[in-house]
């Protein structure tokens, strides 16, 4: 089962599955951007439109984040297999002096084919997607909401932030708690388990 036989076909198959799941992630992100753009356009189209439609956008974006994090966990299964083959078959074949990344990679890959398992937790998946895509989108919505509650009324913005019978300070506190929780999930210290993720590595080419 060398690089020139069945392993090559296995690698191609895993690449194809990884690509399909990567496209599913992109589709979720595209839908999130489209929906948020539509909500913001409507929210600022007239001073009479309620500001809380932007908060509805934040809730909608949260739903997209959860969906995308679930897809990311599936994507990570196939990417882990691809990276295992790259590190221990192709890299070793090109440069045997570099050694193997995992001496027991065959056993681990075989076990994963016998019993496929999710490699990362839901929180880690959410943290990945927050860092890569969703924190900037949430920031745009927060800025848009602050502008919306301050620019279209002469009343104090804490009063303008009121939704129905819910006082403005309560609404502001809820929004603040949500963003504090998102930042905590995204940046709290943790051991990352996603294989091959480009985060803190030095990506400059060796000369």
Protein backbone atom coordinates (compact mmCIF):
# COMPACT_ATOMS: atom_id res chain seq x y z
CA UNK A 1 0.00 0.00 0.00
CA UNK A 2 2.65 2.49 -1.13
CA UNK A 3 2.26 6.05 -2.35
CA UNK A 4 1.96 4.85 -5.95
CA UNK A 5 -0.92 2.43 -5.42
CA UNK A 6 -4.04 2.34 -3.27
CA UNK A 7 -2.82 5.10 -0.96
CA UNK A 8 -2.87 7.59 -3.84
CA UNK A 9 -6.52 6.78 -4.60
CA UNK A 10 -7.36 6.98 -0.90
CA UNK A 11 -5.72 10.39 -0.69
CA UNK A 12 -7.64 11.66 -3.71
CA UNK A 13 -10.92 10.47 -2.20
CA UNK A 14 -10.24 12.20 1.11
CA UNK A 15 -9.26 15.40 -0.68
CA UNK A 16 -12.55 15.31 -2.58
CA UNK A 17 -14.59 14.88 0.61
CA UNK A 18 -12.65 17.66 2.33
CA UNK A 19 -13.32 19.95 -0.64
CA UNK A 20 -17.07 19.24 -0.50
CA UNK A 21 -17.25 20.07 3.20
CA UNK A 22 -15.16 23.22 2.61
CA UNK A 23 -17.75 24.32 0.05
CA UNK A 24 -20.55 23.69 2.56
CA UNK A 25 -18.79 26.01 5.01
CA UNK A 26 -18.51 28.70 2.36
CA UNK A 27 -22.20 28.38 1.50
CA UNK A 28 -23.19 29.01 5.12
CA UNK A 29 -20.96 32.07 5.29
CA UNK A 30 -22.35 33.42 2.02
CA UNK A 31 -25.93 33.06 3.24
CA UNK A 32 -25.05 34.78 6.51
CA UNK A 33 -23.53 37.76 4.67
CA UNK A 34 -26.52 38.05 2.32
CA UNK A 35 -29.08 37.93 5.13
CA UNK A 36 -27.18 40.45 7.26
CA UNK A 37 -26.79 42.83 4.31
CA UNK A 38 -30.54 42.66 3.64
CA UNK A 39 -31.42 43.33 7.29
CA UNK A 40 -29.06 46.30 7.51
CA UNK A 41 -30.39 47.77 4.28
CA UNK A 42 -33.95 47.60 5.60
CA UNK A 43 -33.02 48.86 9.07
CA UNK A 44 -31.46 52.05 7.67
CA UNK A 45 -33.93 52.59 4.84
CA UNK A 46 -36.30 54.60 7.06
CA UNK A 47 -36.13 56.22 10.51
CA UNK A 48 -39.47 54.58 11.27
CA UNK A 49 -38.08 51.06 11.00
CA UNK A 50 -37.38 49.57 14.46
CA UNK A 51 -33.80 49.26 15.61
CA UNK A 52 -34.35 45.79 17.02
CA UNK A 53 -34.32 44.32 13.52
CA UNK A 54 -30.52 44.53 13.85
CA UNK A 55 -30.74 42.50 17.05
CA UNK A 56 -32.78 39.98 15.07
CA UNK A 57 -29.82 39.97 12.67
CA UNK A 58 -27.47 39.15 15.56
CA UNK A 59 -29.71 36.24 16.55
CA UNK A 60 -29.85 35.06 12.93
CA UNK A 61 -26.08 35.29 12.62
CA UNK A 62 -25.77 33.20 15.79
CA UNK A 63 -27.90 30.49 14.17
CA UNK A 64 -25.63 30.53 11.11
CA UNK A 65 -22.59 30.31 13.41
CA UNK A 66 -23.98 27.21 15.12
CA UNK A 67 -24.80 25.58 11.78
CA UNK A 68 -21.35 26.38 10.42
CA UNK A 69 -19.59 25.10 13.54
CA UNK A 70 -21.37 21.76 13.13
CA UNK A 71 -20.24 21.61 9.51
CA UNK A 72 -16.73 22.59 10.58
CA UNK A 73 -16.56 19.58 12.90
CA UNK A 74 -17.45 17.35 9.96
CA UNK A 75 -14.94 19.11 7.72
CA UNK A 76 -12.23 18.60 10.34
CA UNK A 77 -12.70 14.80 10.14
CA UNK A 78 -11.66 14.72 6.50
CA UNK A 79 -8.99 17.38 6.86
CA UNK A 80 -7.40 15.43 9.71
CA UNK A 81 -7.13 12.37 7.50
CA UNK A 82 -5.68 14.39 4.63
CA UNK A 83 -3.10 16.03 6.87
CA UNK A 84 -2.14 12.67 8.38
CA UNK A 85 -1.44 11.25 4.92
CA UNK A 86 0.41 14.39 3.83
CA UNK A 87 2.65 14.42 6.90
CA UNK A 88 3.45 10.72 7.06
CA UNK A 89 3.30 9.55 3.44
CA UNK A 90 4.02 12.38 1.02
CA UNK A 91 6.30 14.46 3.24
CA UNK A 92 8.22 11.36 4.32
CA UNK A 93 8.47 10.13 0.73
CA UNK A 94 9.87 13.47 -0.43
CA UNK A 95 12.22 13.91 2.53
CA UNK A 96 12.79 10.74 4.61
CA UNK A 97 15.34 12.54 6.78
CA UNK A 98 12.53 14.63 8.24
CA UNK A 99 11.09 11.54 9.92
CA UNK A 100 7.45 10.83 10.70
CA UNK A 101 5.12 13.19 12.50
CA UNK A 102 3.35 10.27 14.16
CA UNK A 103 5.08 6.88 14.51
CA UNK A 104 1.69 5.20 14.98
CA UNK A 105 -0.13 7.02 12.19
CA UNK A 106 -1.18 3.82 10.43
CA UNK A 107 -2.83 2.52 13.58
CA UNK A 108 -4.57 5.81 14.28
CA UNK A 109 -5.78 6.21 10.70
CA UNK A 110 -6.99 2.60 10.63
CA UNK A 111 -8.92 3.10 13.85
CA UNK A 112 -10.49 6.23 12.42
CA UNK A 113 -11.66 4.34 9.33
CA UNK A 114 -13.11 1.59 11.49
CA UNK A 115 -14.85 4.02 13.83
CA UNK A 116 -15.00 7.60 12.49
CA UNK A 117 -15.05 10.11 15.34
CA UNK A 118 -15.35 13.87 15.65
CA UNK A 119 -11.96 15.29 16.59
CA UNK A 120 -12.88 18.67 18.11
CA UNK A 121 -15.50 19.93 20.52
CA UNK A 122 -18.39 22.17 19.56
CA UNK A 123 -16.83 25.05 21.51
CA UNK A 124 -13.55 24.78 19.63
CA UNK A 125 -15.40 24.70 16.32
CA UNK A 126 -17.36 27.82 17.31
CA UNK A 127 -14.12 29.52 18.36
CA UNK A 128 -12.52 28.74 14.98
CA UNK A 129 -15.42 30.18 13.02
CA UNK A 130 -15.66 33.23 15.29
CA UNK A 131 -12.00 34.02 14.75
CA UNK A 132 -12.05 33.40 11.02
CA UNK A 133 -15.41 34.86 9.94
CA UNK A 134 -18.07 35.71 12.48
CA UNK A 135 -16.46 38.13 14.91
CA UNK A 136 -16.08 40.78 12.17
CA UNK A 137 -19.70 40.23 11.13
CA UNK A 138 -20.88 40.55 14.73
CA UNK A 139 -18.78 43.72 15.06
CA UNK A 140 -20.47 45.23 11.99
CA UNK A 141 -23.88 44.50 13.45
CA UNK A 142 -22.93 45.98 16.82
CA UNK A 143 -21.67 49.21 15.25
CA UNK A 144 -24.77 49.39 13.03
CA UNK A 145 -27.06 48.92 16.05
CA UNK A 146 -25.27 51.62 18.06
CA UNK A 147 -25.58 54.03 15.15
CA UNK A 148 -29.22 53.12 14.68
CA UNK A 149 -30.20 53.83 18.30
CA UNK A 150 -28.25 57.10 18.48
CA UNK A 151 -28.56 58.76 15.06
CA UNK A 152 -32.33 58.77 14.52
CA UNK A 153 -33.64 60.09 17.83
CA UNK A 154 -33.08 63.10 20.04
CA UNK A 155 -33.74 61.01 23.17
CA UNK A 156 -30.90 59.45 25.18
CA UNK A 157 -29.69 56.29 23.50
CA UNK A 158 -30.44 54.17 26.56
CA UNK A 159 -34.06 55.20 26.17
CA UNK A 160 -34.04 54.64 22.41
CA UNK A 161 -32.68 51.13 22.93
CA UNK A 162 -35.93 50.09 24.63
CA UNK A 163 -37.85 47.22 22.99
CA UNK A 164 -41.53 47.19 23.87
CA UNK A 165 -41.78 46.90 27.66
CA UNK A 166 -38.10 45.93 28.03
CA UNK A 167 -36.10 48.92 29.30
CA UNK A 168 -33.16 50.17 27.27
CA UNK A 169 -30.53 49.40 29.96
CA UNK A 170 -31.70 45.77 30.05
CA UNK A 171 -31.40 45.50 26.27
CA UNK A 172 -27.92 47.06 26.33
CA UNK A 173 -26.85 44.74 29.15
CA UNK A 174 -28.10 41.68 27.21
CA UNK A 175 -26.21 42.76 24.10
CA UNK A 176 -23.07 43.40 26.15
CA UNK A 177 -23.27 39.98 27.81
CA UNK A 178 -23.70 38.29 24.43
CA UNK A 179 -20.61 39.96 22.99
CA UNK A 180 -18.59 39.28 26.13
CA UNK A 181 -19.51 35.58 25.86
CA UNK A 182 -18.54 35.51 22.17
CA UNK A 183 -15.14 37.08 22.90
CA UNK A 184 -14.57 34.67 25.78
CA UNK A 185 -15.30 31.64 23.60
CA UNK A 186 -13.11 32.95 20.79
CA UNK A 187 -10.04 33.97 22.78
CA UNK A 188 -9.93 32.04 26.03
CA UNK A 189 -6.74 29.95 26.49
CA UNK A 190 -7.23 26.38 25.29
CA UNK A 191 -5.46 23.42 23.72
CA UNK A 192 -6.37 23.42 20.03
CA UNK A 193 -7.11 19.99 18.57
CA UNK A 194 -7.91 20.91 14.95
CA UNK A 195 -5.11 19.38 12.89
CA UNK A 196 -3.16 21.55 10.50
CA UNK A 197 -4.88 24.79 11.46
CA UNK A 198 -2.91 27.90 10.50
CA UNK A 199 -2.94 30.10 13.59
CA UNK A 200 0.37 31.04 15.19
CA UNK A 201 2.78 29.23 12.89
CA UNK A 202 5.52 31.13 11.08
CA UNK A 203 4.25 30.95 7.49
CA UNK A 204 7.24 32.60 5.83
CA UNK A 205 8.97 30.46 3.26
CA UNK A 206 12.30 29.03 4.28
CA UNK A 207 15.07 30.41 2.10
